[in-house]
């Protein structure tokens, strides 16, 4: 299965993203099938450069865009539909380590 996702590049604390097509089982920072454009969130307004014909080609072949890419494509009017909600994972609570003394609870 193929997906369309963002791959970060650029300097430290200055992110710029490539919109790439990659096999779902591969690392997005490794090799990719095709570069479909760029996204720069640091400019005002945010800059998005897309290759519309190639994006349509991959969507017709069954590539599934990530949530963020879906929202970028809806903004660019390449696809129609509602924007999807981006789910941000919360950090898991830190587990109690073995070396920490446990406070006994009263019965």
PDB file of N, CA and C in Angstrom:
ATOM      1  N   UNK A   1       0.844  -1.178   0.000  1.00  0.00           N
ATOM      2  CA  UNK A   1       0.000   0.000   0.000  1.00  0.00           C
ATOM      3  C   UNK A   1       0.889   1.241   0.000  1.00  0.00           C
ATOM      4  N   UNK A   2       0.449   2.240  -0.704  1.00  0.00           N
ATOM      5  CA  UNK A   2       1.216   3.467  -0.867  1.00  0.00           C
ATOM      6  C   UNK A   2       0.504   4.603  -0.144  1.00  0.00           C
ATOM      7  N   UNK A   3       1.283   5.494   0.474  1.00  0.00           N
ATOM      8  CA  UNK A   3       0.694   6.643   1.146  1.00  0.00           C
ATOM      9  C   UNK A   3       1.392   7.925   0.698  1.00  0.00           C
ATOM     10  N   UNK A   4       0.676   9.024   0.826  1.00  0.00           N
ATOM     11  CA  UNK A   4       1.221  10.348   0.545  1.00  0.00           C
ATOM     12  C   UNK A   4       1.368  11.032   1.893  1.00  0.00           C
ATOM     13  N   UNK A   5       2.590  11.424   2.231  1.00  0.00           N
ATOM     14  CA  UNK A   5       2.818  11.988   3.563  1.00  0.00           C
ATOM     15  C   UNK A   5       3.869  13.092   3.498  1.00  0.00           C
ATOM     16  N   UNK A   6       4.120  13.698   4.642  1.00  0.00           N
ATOM     17  CA  UNK A   6       5.126  14.745   4.761  1.00  0.00           C
ATOM     18  C   UNK A   6       6.435  14.139   5.248  1.00  0.00           C
ATOM     19  N   UNK A   7       7.531  14.657   4.737  1.00  0.00           N
ATOM     20  CA  UNK A   7       8.860  14.264   5.195  1.00  0.00           C
ATOM     21  C   UNK A   7       9.612  15.545   5.519  1.00  0.00           C
ATOM     22  N   UNK A   8      10.083  15.650   6.748  1.00  0.00           N
ATOM     23  CA  UNK A   8      10.727  16.876   7.211  1.00  0.00           C
ATOM     24  C   UNK A   8      12.152  16.979   6.684  1.00  0.00           C
ATOM     25  N   UNK A   9      12.520  18.161   6.255  1.00  0.00           N
ATOM     26  CA  UNK A   9      13.907  18.471   5.946  1.00  0.00           C
ATOM     27  C   UNK A   9      14.131  19.928   6.270  1.00  0.00           C
ATOM     28  N   UNK A  10      15.365  20.365   6.211  1.00  0.00           N
ATOM     29  CA  UNK A  10      15.686  21.736   6.587  1.00  0.00           C
ATOM     30  C   UNK A  10      16.574  21.757   7.805  1.00  0.00           C
ATOM     31  N   UNK A  11      16.939  22.956   8.212  1.00  0.00           N
ATOM     32  CA  UNK A  11      17.831  23.100   9.359  1.00  0.00           C
ATOM     33  C   UNK A  11      17.111  22.839  10.670  1.00  0.00           C
ATOM     34  N   UNK A  12      17.917  22.787  11.711  1.00  0.00           N
ATOM     35  CA  UNK A  12      17.395  22.613  13.050  1.00  0.00           C
ATOM     36  C   UNK A  12      16.490  23.803  13.406  1.00  0.00           C
ATOM     37  N   UNK A  13      15.304  23.511  13.910  1.00  0.00           N
ATOM     38  CA  UNK A  13      14.302  24.503  14.298  1.00  0.00           C
ATOM     39  C   UNK A  13      13.808  25.362  13.133  1.00  0.00           C
ATOM     40  N   UNK A  14      14.065  24.920  11.899  1.00  0.00           N
ATOM     41  CA  UNK A  14      13.561  25.604  10.706  1.00  0.00           C
ATOM     42  C   UNK A  14      12.976  24.560   9.757  1.00  0.00           C
ATOM     43  N   UNK A  15      11.854  23.961  10.128  1.00  0.00           N
ATOM     44  CA  UNK A  15      11.334  22.855   9.328  1.00  0.00           C
ATOM     45  C   UNK A  15      10.745  23.291   7.996  1.00  0.00           C
ATOM     46  N   UNK A  16      10.985  22.490   7.007  1.00  0.00           N
ATOM     47  CA  UNK A  16      10.337  22.551   5.713  1.00  0.00           C
ATOM     48  C   UNK A  16       9.995  21.112   5.380  1.00  0.00           C
ATOM     49  N   UNK A  17       8.902  20.899   4.676  1.00  0.00           N
ATOM     50  CA  UNK A  17       8.437  19.544   4.441  1.00  0.00           C
ATOM     51  C   UNK A  17       8.329  19.258   2.952  1.00  0.00           C
ATOM     52  N   UNK A  18       8.661  18.018   2.582  1.00  0.00           N
ATOM     53  CA  UNK A  18       8.405  17.508   1.248  1.00  0.00           C
ATOM     54  C   UNK A  18       7.116  16.702   1.321  1.00  0.00           C
ATOM     55  N   UNK A  19       6.316  16.794   0.292  1.00  0.00           N
ATOM     56  CA  UNK A  19       5.143  15.941   0.181  1.00  0.00           C
ATOM     57  C   UNK A  19       5.563  14.799  -0.730  1.00  0.00           C
ATOM     58  N   UNK A  20       5.625  13.589  -0.175  1.00  0.00           N
ATOM     59  CA  UNK A  20       6.200  12.464  -0.900  1.00  0.00           C
ATOM     60  C   UNK A  20       5.223  11.300  -0.985  1.00  0.00           C
ATOM     61  N   UNK A  21       5.502  10.414  -1.935  1.00  0.00           N
ATOM     62  CA  UNK A  21       4.799   9.144  -2.057  1.00  0.00           C
ATOM     63  C   UNK A  21       5.770   8.080  -1.594  1.00  0.00           C
ATOM     64  N   UNK A  22       5.334   7.277  -0.626  1.00  0.00           N
ATOM     65  CA  UNK A  22       6.216   6.269  -0.053  1.00  0.00           C
ATOM     66  C   UNK A  22       5.402   5.010   0.243  1.00  0.00           C
ATOM     67  N   UNK A  23       6.064   3.867   0.175  1.00  0.00           N
ATOM     68  CA  UNK A  23       5.433   2.620   0.572  1.00  0.00           C
ATOM     69  C   UNK A  23       5.153   2.694   2.066  1.00  0.00           C
ATOM     70  N   UNK A  24       3.988   2.239   2.486  1.00  0.00           N
ATOM     71  CA  UNK A  24       3.564   2.386   3.877  1.00  0.00           C
ATOM     72  C   UNK A  24       4.505   1.694   4.863  1.00  0.00           C
ATOM     73  N   UNK A  25       5.195   0.667   4.408  1.00  0.00           N
ATOM     74  CA  UNK A  25       6.082  -0.088   5.298  1.00  0.00           C
ATOM     75  C   UNK A  25       7.483   0.509   5.391  1.00  0.00           C
ATOM     76  N   UNK A  26       7.793   1.513   4.579  1.00  0.00           N
ATOM     77  CA  UNK A  26       9.135   2.094   4.568  1.00  0.00           C
ATOM     78  C   UNK A  26       9.223   3.322   5.458  1.00  0.00           C
ATOM     79  N   UNK A  27      10.440   3.661   5.777  1.00  0.00           N
ATOM     80  CA  UNK A  27      10.730   4.834   6.593  1.00  0.00           C
ATOM     81  C   UNK A  27      10.554   6.098   5.746  1.00  0.00           C
ATOM     82  N   UNK A  28       9.767   7.097   6.189  1.00  0.00           N
ATOM     83  CA  UNK A  28       9.565   8.294   5.375  1.00  0.00           C
ATOM     84  C   UNK A  28      10.824   9.157   5.233  1.00  0.00           C
ATOM     85  N   UNK A  29      11.850   8.900   6.047  1.00  0.00           N
ATOM     86  CA  UNK A  29      13.090   9.654   5.926  1.00  0.00           C
ATOM     87  C   UNK A  29      14.088   8.935   5.044  1.00  0.00           C
ATOM     88  N   UNK A  30      13.712   7.769   4.568  1.00  0.00           N
ATOM     89  CA  UNK A  30      14.573   7.025   3.660  1.00  0.00           C
ATOM     90  C   UNK A  30      14.207   7.359   2.220  1.00  0.00           C
ATOM     91  N   UNK A  31      14.281   6.361   1.380  1.00  0.00           N
ATOM     92  CA  UNK A  31      13.940   6.569  -0.024  1.00  0.00           C
ATOM     93  C   UNK A  31      12.440   6.686  -0.219  1.00  0.00           C
ATOM     94  N   UNK A  32      12.038   7.396  -1.244  1.00  0.00           N
ATOM     95  CA  UNK A  32      10.626   7.557  -1.545  1.00  0.00           C
ATOM     96  C   UNK A  32      10.417   7.371  -3.031  1.00  0.00           C
ATOM     97  N   UNK A  33       9.177   7.144  -3.433  1.00  0.00           N
ATOM     98  CA  UNK A  33       8.870   6.891  -4.835  1.00  0.00           C
ATOM     99  C   UNK A  33       8.885   8.168  -5.665  1.00  0.00           C
ATOM    100  N   UNK A  34       8.274   9.225  -5.130  1.00  0.00           N
ATOM    101  CA  UNK A  34       8.205  10.475  -5.894  1.00  0.00           C
ATOM    102  C   UNK A  34       7.979  11.661  -4.959  1.00  0.00           C
ATOM    103  N   UNK A  35       8.563  12.797  -5.325  1.00  0.00           N
ATOM    104  CA  UNK A  35       8.366  14.047  -4.611  1.00  0.00           C
ATOM    105  C   UNK A  35       7.232  14.799  -5.306  1.00  0.00           C
ATOM    106  N   UNK A  36       6.162  15.091  -4.552  1.00  0.00           N
ATOM    107  CA  UNK A  36       4.989  15.735  -5.137  1.00  0.00           C
ATOM    108  C   UNK A  36       4.887  17.219  -4.839  1.00  0.00           C
ATOM    109  N   UNK A  37       5.803  17.755  -4.057  1.00  0.00           N
ATOM    110  CA  UNK A  37       5.761  19.178  -3.759  1.00  0.00           C
ATOM    111  C   UNK A  37       6.415  19.483  -2.429  1.00  0.00           C
ATOM    112  N   UNK A  38       6.256  20.740  -1.999  1.00  0.00           N
ATOM    113  CA  UNK A  38       6.846  21.174  -0.736  1.00  0.00           C
ATOM    114  C   UNK A  38       5.818  21.964   0.056  1.00  0.00           C
ATOM    115  N   UNK A  39       6.063  22.040   1.367  1.00  0.00           N
ATOM    116  CA  UNK A  39       5.205  22.799   2.282  1.00  0.00           C
ATOM    117  C   UNK A  39       6.109  23.506   3.273  1.00  0.00           C
ATOM    118  N   UNK A  40       5.975  24.846   3.364  1.00  0.00           N
ATOM    119  CA  UNK A  40       6.775  25.632   4.286  1.00  0.00           C
ATOM    120  C   UNK A  40       5.833  26.368   5.243  1.00  0.00           C
ATOM    121  N   UNK A  41       5.719  25.880   6.490  1.00  0.00           N
ATOM    122  CA  UNK A  41       4.812  26.514   7.440  1.00  0.00           C
ATOM    123  C   UNK A  41       5.375  27.771   8.088  1.00  0.00           C
ATOM    124  N   UNK A  42       6.635  28.089   7.839  1.00  0.00           N
ATOM    125  CA  UNK A  42       7.273  29.221   8.514  1.00  0.00           C
ATOM    126  C   UNK A  42       7.065  30.555   7.799  1.00  0.00           C
ATOM    127  N   UNK A  43       6.613  30.544   6.563  1.00  0.00           N
ATOM    128  CA  UNK A  43       6.391  31.798   5.846  1.00  0.00           C
ATOM    129  C   UNK A  43       4.991  32.321   6.158  1.00  0.00           C
ATOM    130  N   UNK A  44       4.765  33.579   5.897  1.00  0.00           N
ATOM    131  CA  UNK A  44       3.453  34.177   6.123  1.00  0.00           C
ATOM    132  C   UNK A  44       2.960  34.743   4.811  1.00  0.00           C
ATOM    133  N   UNK A  45       1.972  34.222   4.148  1.00  0.00           N
ATOM    134  CA  UNK A  45       1.212  33.019   4.464  1.00  0.00           C
ATOM    135  C   UNK A  45       2.017  31.748   4.176  1.00  0.00           C
ATOM    136  N   UNK A  46       1.554  30.638   4.689  1.00  0.00           N
ATOM    137  CA  UNK A  46       2.252  29.366   4.521  1.00  0.00           C
ATOM    138  C   UNK A  46       2.333  29.010   3.040  1.00  0.00           C
ATOM    139  N   UNK A  47       3.510  28.549   2.612  1.00  0.00           N
ATOM    140  CA  UNK A  47       3.757  28.272   1.205  1.00  0.00           C
ATOM    141  C   UNK A  47       3.554  26.795   0.907  1.00  0.00           C
ATOM    142  N   UNK A  48       2.734  26.519  -0.114  1.00  0.00           N
ATOM    143  CA  UNK A  48       2.512  25.147  -0.551  1.00  0.00           C
ATOM    144  C   UNK A  48       2.713  25.107  -2.062  1.00  0.00           C
ATOM    145  N   UNK A  49       3.634  24.269  -2.515  1.00  0.00           N
ATOM    146  CA  UNK A  49       3.873  24.076  -3.948  1.00  0.00           C
ATOM    147  C   UNK A  49       3.570  22.614  -4.262  1.00  0.00           C
ATOM    148  N   UNK A  50       2.577  22.376  -5.135  1.00  0.00           N
ATOM    149  CA  UNK A  50       2.126  21.018  -5.422  1.00  0.00           C
ATOM    150  C   UNK A  50       2.171  20.716  -6.908  1.00  0.00           C
ATOM    151  N   UNK A  51       2.426  19.451  -7.236  1.00  0.00           N
ATOM    152  CA  UNK A  51       2.329  18.962  -8.612  1.00  0.00           C
ATOM    153  C   UNK A  51       0.971  18.279  -8.738  1.00  0.00           C
ATOM    154  N   UNK A  52      -0.039  19.050  -9.169  1.00  0.00           N
ATOM    155  CA  UNK A  52      -1.426  18.571  -9.153  1.00  0.00           C
ATOM    156  C   UNK A  52      -1.640  17.331  -9.998  1.00  0.00           C
ATOM    157  N   UNK A  53      -1.059  17.298 -11.193  1.00  0.00           N
ATOM    158  CA  UNK A  53      -1.279  16.149 -12.071  1.00  0.00           C
ATOM    159  C   UNK A  53      -0.715  14.863 -11.477  1.00  0.00           C
ATOM    160  N   UNK A  54       0.441  14.945 -10.845  1.00  0.00           N
ATOM    161  CA  UNK A  54       1.041  13.754 -10.236  1.00  0.00           C
ATOM    162  C   UNK A  54       0.286  13.333  -8.977  1.00  0.00           C
ATOM    163  N   UNK A  55      -0.251  14.289  -8.228  1.00  0.00           N
ATOM    164  CA  UNK A  55      -1.050  13.949  -7.047  1.00  0.00           C
ATOM    165  C   UNK A  55      -2.314  13.216  -7.471  1.00  0.00           C
ATOM    166  N   UNK A  56      -2.979  13.723  -8.511  1.00  0.00           N
ATOM    167  CA  UNK A  56      -4.170  13.045  -9.018  1.00  0.00           C
ATOM    168  C   UNK A  56      -3.834  11.644  -9.524  1.00  0.00           C
ATOM    169  N   UNK A  57      -2.684  11.489 -10.178  1.00  0.00           N
ATOM    170  CA  UNK A  57      -2.233  10.187 -10.672  1.00  0.00           C
ATOM    171  C   UNK A  57      -2.134   9.190  -9.510  1.00  0.00           C
ATOM    172  N   UNK A  58      -1.472   9.578  -8.434  1.00  0.00           N
ATOM    173  CA  UNK A  58      -1.280   8.666  -7.307  1.00  0.00           C
ATOM    174  C   UNK A  58      -2.579   8.403  -6.560  1.00  0.00           C
ATOM    175  N   UNK A  59      -3.453   9.400  -6.461  1.00  0.00           N
ATOM    176  CA  UNK A  59      -4.739   9.186  -5.805  1.00  0.00           C
ATOM    177  C   UNK A  59      -5.599   8.201  -6.601  1.00  0.00           C
ATOM    178  N   UNK A  60      -5.541   8.276  -7.933  1.00  0.00           N
ATOM    179  CA  UNK A  60      -6.271   7.331  -8.773  1.00  0.00           C
ATOM    180  C   UNK A  60      -5.735   5.912  -8.623  1.00  0.00           C
ATOM    181  N   UNK A  61      -4.466   5.788  -8.320  1.00  0.00           N
ATOM    182  CA  UNK A  61      -3.840   4.472  -8.145  1.00  0.00           C
ATOM    183  C   UNK A  61      -4.042   3.909  -6.738  1.00  0.00           C
ATOM    184  N   UNK A  62      -4.743   4.625  -5.867  1.00  0.00           N
ATOM    185  CA  UNK A  62      -5.076   4.099  -4.551  1.00  0.00           C
ATOM    186  C   UNK A  62      -4.188   4.581  -3.424  1.00  0.00           C
ATOM    187  N   UNK A  63      -3.365   5.593  -3.647  1.00  0.00           N
ATOM    188  CA  UNK A  63      -2.533   6.128  -2.570  1.00  0.00           C
ATOM    189  C   UNK A  63      -3.429   6.851  -1.561  1.00  0.00           C
ATOM    190  N   UNK A  64      -3.159   6.645  -0.277  1.00  0.00           N
ATOM    191  CA  UNK A  64      -3.964   7.293   0.755  1.00  0.00           C
ATOM    192  C   UNK A  64      -3.158   8.424   1.390  1.00  0.00           C
ATOM    193  N   UNK A  65      -3.690   9.651   1.372  1.00  0.00           N
ATOM    194  CA  UNK A  65      -2.969  10.770   1.986  1.00  0.00           C
ATOM    195  C   UNK A  65      -3.083  10.748   3.503  1.00  0.00           C
ATOM    196  N   UNK A  66      -2.059  11.243   4.175  1.00  0.00           N
ATOM    197  CA  UNK A  66      -2.124  11.393   5.626  1.00  0.00           C
ATOM    198  C   UNK A  66      -3.112  12.516   5.944  1.00  0.00           C
ATOM    199  N   UNK A  67      -3.457  12.652   7.201  1.00  0.00           N
ATOM    200  CA  UNK A  67      -4.442  13.657   7.607  1.00  0.00           C
ATOM    201  C   UNK A  67      -3.994  15.068   7.242  1.00  0.00           C
ATOM    202  N   UNK A  68      -2.741  15.392   7.501  1.00  0.00           N
ATOM    203  CA  UNK A  68      -2.229  16.732   7.207  1.00  0.00           C
ATOM    204  C   UNK A  68      -2.198  16.980   5.706  1.00  0.00           C
ATOM    205  N   UNK A  69      -1.755  16.000   4.935  1.00  0.00           N
ATOM    206  CA  UNK A  69      -1.718  16.151   3.476  1.00  0.00           C
ATOM    207  C   UNK A  69      -3.139  16.277   2.941  1.00  0.00           C
ATOM    208  N   UNK A  70      -4.076  15.503   3.482  1.00  0.00           N
ATOM    209  CA  UNK A  70      -5.483  15.620   3.070  1.00  0.00           C
ATOM    210  C   UNK A  70      -5.956  17.062   3.235  1.00  0.00           C
ATOM    211  N   UNK A  71      -5.670  17.674   4.389  1.00  0.00           N
ATOM    212  CA  UNK A  71      -6.098  19.048   4.648  1.00  0.00           C
ATOM    213  C   UNK A  71      -5.431  20.032   3.693  1.00  0.00           C
ATOM    214  N   UNK A  72      -4.161  19.808   3.357  1.00  0.00           N
ATOM    215  CA  UNK A  72      -3.482  20.675   2.390  1.00  0.00           C
ATOM    216  C   UNK A  72      -4.115  20.548   1.003  1.00  0.00           C
ATOM    217  N   UNK A  73      -4.503  19.340   0.618  1.00  0.00           N
ATOM    218  CA  UNK A  73      -5.117  19.121  -0.694  1.00  0.00           C
ATOM    219  C   UNK A  73      -6.521  19.716  -0.759  1.00  0.00           C
ATOM    220  N   UNK A  74      -7.239  19.702   0.355  1.00  0.00           N
ATOM    221  CA  UNK A  74      -8.561  20.336   0.396  1.00  0.00           C
ATOM    222  C   UNK A  74      -8.406  21.849   0.264  1.00  0.00           C
ATOM    223  N   UNK A  75      -7.421  22.431   0.938  1.00  0.00           N
ATOM    224  CA  UNK A  75      -7.171  23.873   0.822  1.00  0.00           C
ATOM    225  C   UNK A  75      -6.798  24.267  -0.601  1.00  0.00           C
ATOM    226  N   UNK A  76      -6.028  23.407  -1.287  1.00  0.00           N
ATOM    227  CA  UNK A  76      -5.604  23.697  -2.654  1.00  0.00           C
ATOM    228  C   UNK A  76      -6.677  23.343  -3.683  1.00  0.00           C
ATOM    229  N   UNK A  77      -7.813  22.789  -3.213  1.00  0.00           N
ATOM    230  CA  UNK A  77      -8.950  22.407  -4.056  1.00  0.00           C
ATOM    231  C   UNK A  77      -8.575  21.344  -5.088  1.00  0.00           C
ATOM    232  N   UNK A  78      -7.650  20.481  -4.721  1.00  0.00           N
ATOM    233  CA  UNK A  78      -7.310  19.345  -5.577  1.00  0.00           C
ATOM    234  C   UNK A  78      -8.314  18.222  -5.342  1.00  0.00           C
ATOM    235  N   UNK A  79      -8.756  18.074  -4.099  1.00  0.00           N
ATOM    236  CA  UNK A  79      -9.799  17.114  -3.770  1.00  0.00           C
ATOM    237  C   UNK A  79     -10.919  17.856  -3.052  1.00  0.00           C
ATOM    238  N   UNK A  80     -12.107  17.274  -3.104  1.00  0.00           N
ATOM    239  CA  UNK A  80     -13.238  17.890  -2.415  1.00  0.00           C
ATOM    240  C   UNK A  80     -13.570  17.068  -1.182  1.00  0.00           C
ATOM    241  N   UNK A  81     -14.070  17.719  -0.195  1.00  0.00           N
ATOM    242  CA  UNK A  81     -14.441  17.054   1.049  1.00  0.00           C
ATOM    243  C   UNK A  81     -14.150  17.956   2.223  1.00  0.00           C
ATOM    244  N   UNK A  82     -14.472  17.434   3.398  1.00  0.00           N
ATOM    245  CA  UNK A  82     -14.224  18.191   4.616  1.00  0.00           C
ATOM    246  C   UNK A  82     -12.803  17.956   5.088  1.00  0.00           C
ATOM    247  N   UNK A  83     -12.290  18.920   5.820  1.00  0.00           N
ATOM    248  CA  UNK A  83     -10.990  18.737   6.443  1.00  0.00           C
ATOM    249  C   UNK A  83     -11.111  17.692   7.547  1.00  0.00           C
ATOM    250  N   UNK A  84     -10.032  16.967   7.739  1.00  0.00           N
ATOM    251  CA  UNK A  84     -10.006  15.964   8.795  1.00  0.00           C
ATOM    252  C   UNK A  84      -9.371  16.552  10.036  1.00  0.00           C
ATOM    253  N   UNK A  85      -9.751  16.028  11.155  1.00  0.00           N
ATOM    254  CA  UNK A  85      -9.189  16.490  12.420  1.00  0.00           C
ATOM    255  C   UNK A  85      -7.855  15.801  12.657  1.00  0.00           C
ATOM    256  N   UNK A  86      -6.851  16.585  13.015  1.00  0.00           N
ATOM    257  CA  UNK A  86      -5.522  16.041  13.289  1.00  0.00           C
ATOM    258  C   UNK A  86      -5.474  15.622  14.746  1.00  0.00           C
ATOM    259  N   UNK A  87      -5.149  14.357  14.986  1.00  0.00           N
ATOM    260  CA  UNK A  87      -5.076  13.829  16.349  1.00  0.00           C
ATOM    261  C   UNK A  87      -3.633  13.883  16.822  1.00  0.00           C
ATOM    262  N   UNK A  88      -3.400  14.625  17.893  1.00  0.00           N
ATOM    263  CA  UNK A  88      -2.070  14.736  18.473  1.00  0.00           C
ATOM    264  C   UNK A  88      -2.013  13.792  19.661  1.00  0.00           C
ATOM    265  N   UNK A  89      -1.036  12.912  19.633  1.00  0.00           N
ATOM    266  CA  UNK A  89      -0.907  11.937  20.712  1.00  0.00           C
ATOM    267  C   UNK A  89      -0.351  12.622  21.952  1.00  0.00           C
ATOM    268  N   UNK A  90      -0.941  12.292  23.084  1.00  0.00           N
ATOM    269  CA  UNK A  90      -0.474  12.818  24.353  1.00  0.00           C
ATOM    270  C   UNK A  90       0.649  11.928  24.874  1.00  0.00           C
ATOM    271  N   UNK A  91       1.564  12.522  25.619  1.00  0.00           N
ATOM    272  CA  UNK A  91       2.631  11.736  26.208  1.00  0.00           C
ATOM    273  C   UNK A  91       2.050  10.802  27.263  1.00  0.00           C
ATOM    274  N   UNK A  92       2.580   9.596  27.296  1.00  0.00           N
ATOM    275  CA  UNK A  92       2.128   8.623  28.287  1.00  0.00           C
ATOM    276  C   UNK A  92       2.670   9.011  29.646  1.00  0.00           C
ATOM    277  N   UNK A  93       1.929   8.728  30.713  1.00  0.00           N
ATOM    278  CA  UNK A  93       2.456   9.034  32.047  1.00  0.00           C
ATOM    279  C   UNK A  93       3.698   8.201  32.316  1.00  0.00           C
ATOM    280  N   UNK A  94       4.631   8.785  33.037  1.00  0.00           N
ATOM    281  CA  UNK A  94       5.876   8.078  33.312  1.00  0.00           C
ATOM    282  C   UNK A  94       5.618   6.949  34.294  1.00  0.00           C
ATOM    283  N   UNK A  95       6.121   5.750  33.988  1.00  0.00           N
ATOM    284  CA  UNK A  95       5.893   4.627  34.899  1.00  0.00           C
ATOM    285  C   UNK A  95       6.753   4.756  36.150  1.00  0.00           C
ATOM    286  N   UNK A  96       6.305   4.146  37.223  1.00  0.00           N
ATOM    287  CA  UNK A  96       7.043   4.141  38.476  1.00  0.00           C
ATOM    288  C   UNK A  96       8.220   3.189  38.310  1.00  0.00           C
ATOM    289  N   UNK A  97       9.418   3.668  38.629  1.00  0.00           N
ATOM    290  CA  UNK A  97      10.598   2.825  38.483  1.00  0.00           C
ATOM    291  C   UNK A  97      10.787   1.947  39.702  1.00  0.00           C
ATOM    292  N   UNK A  98      11.576   0.890  39.535  1.00  0.00           N
ATOM    293  CA  UNK A  98      11.763  -0.093  40.598  1.00  0.00           C
ATOM    294  C   UNK A  98      12.528   0.489  41.782  1.00  0.00           C
ATOM    295  N   UNK A  99      13.413   1.470  41.572  1.00  0.00           N
ATOM    296  CA  UNK A  99      14.232   2.008  42.644  1.00  0.00           C
ATOM    297  C   UNK A  99      13.539   3.051  43.500  1.00  0.00           C
ATOM    298  N   UNK A 100      12.337   3.469  43.150  1.00  0.00           N
ATOM    299  CA  UNK A 100      11.620   4.489  43.890  1.00  0.00           C
ATOM    300  C   UNK A 100      10.854   3.855  45.048  1.00  0.00           C
ATOM    301  N   UNK A 101      10.977   4.409  46.248  1.00  0.00           N
ATOM    302  CA  UNK A 101      10.239   3.825  47.384  1.00  0.00           C
ATOM    303  C   UNK A 101       8.740   4.074  47.211  1.00  0.00           C
ATOM    304  N   UNK A 102       7.978   3.058  47.538  1.00  0.00           N
ATOM    305  CA  UNK A 102       6.522   3.138  47.434  1.00  0.00           C
ATOM    306  C   UNK A 102       5.956   3.562  48.789  1.00  0.00           C
ATOM    307  N   UNK A 103       4.986   4.436  48.773  1.00  0.00           N
ATOM    308  CA  UNK A 103       4.321   4.877  50.001  1.00  0.00           C
ATOM    309  C   UNK A 103       3.161   3.930  50.235  1.00  0.00           C
ATOM    310  N   UNK A 104       3.127   3.246  51.415  1.00  0.00           N
ATOM    311  CA  UNK A 104       2.032   2.317  51.665  1.00  0.00           C
ATOM    312  C   UNK A 104       0.728   3.072  51.867  1.00  0.00           C
ATOM    313  N   UNK A 105      -0.343   2.479  51.395  1.00  0.00           N
ATOM    314  CA  UNK A 105      -1.654   3.095  51.571  1.00  0.00           C
ATOM    315  C   UNK A 105      -2.309   2.514  52.815  1.00  0.00           C
ATOM    316  N   UNK A 106      -3.093   3.332  53.498  1.00  0.00           N
ATOM    317  CA  UNK A 106      -3.788   2.880  54.712  1.00  0.00           C
ATOM    318  C   UNK A 106      -4.938   1.970  54.339  1.00  0.00           C
ATOM    319  N   UNK A 107      -5.160   0.893  55.119  1.00  0.00           N
ATOM    320  CA  UNK A 107      -6.267  -0.040  54.794  1.00  0.00           C
ATOM    321  C   UNK A 107      -7.625   0.536  55.088  1.00  0.00           C
TER     322      UNK A 107
END
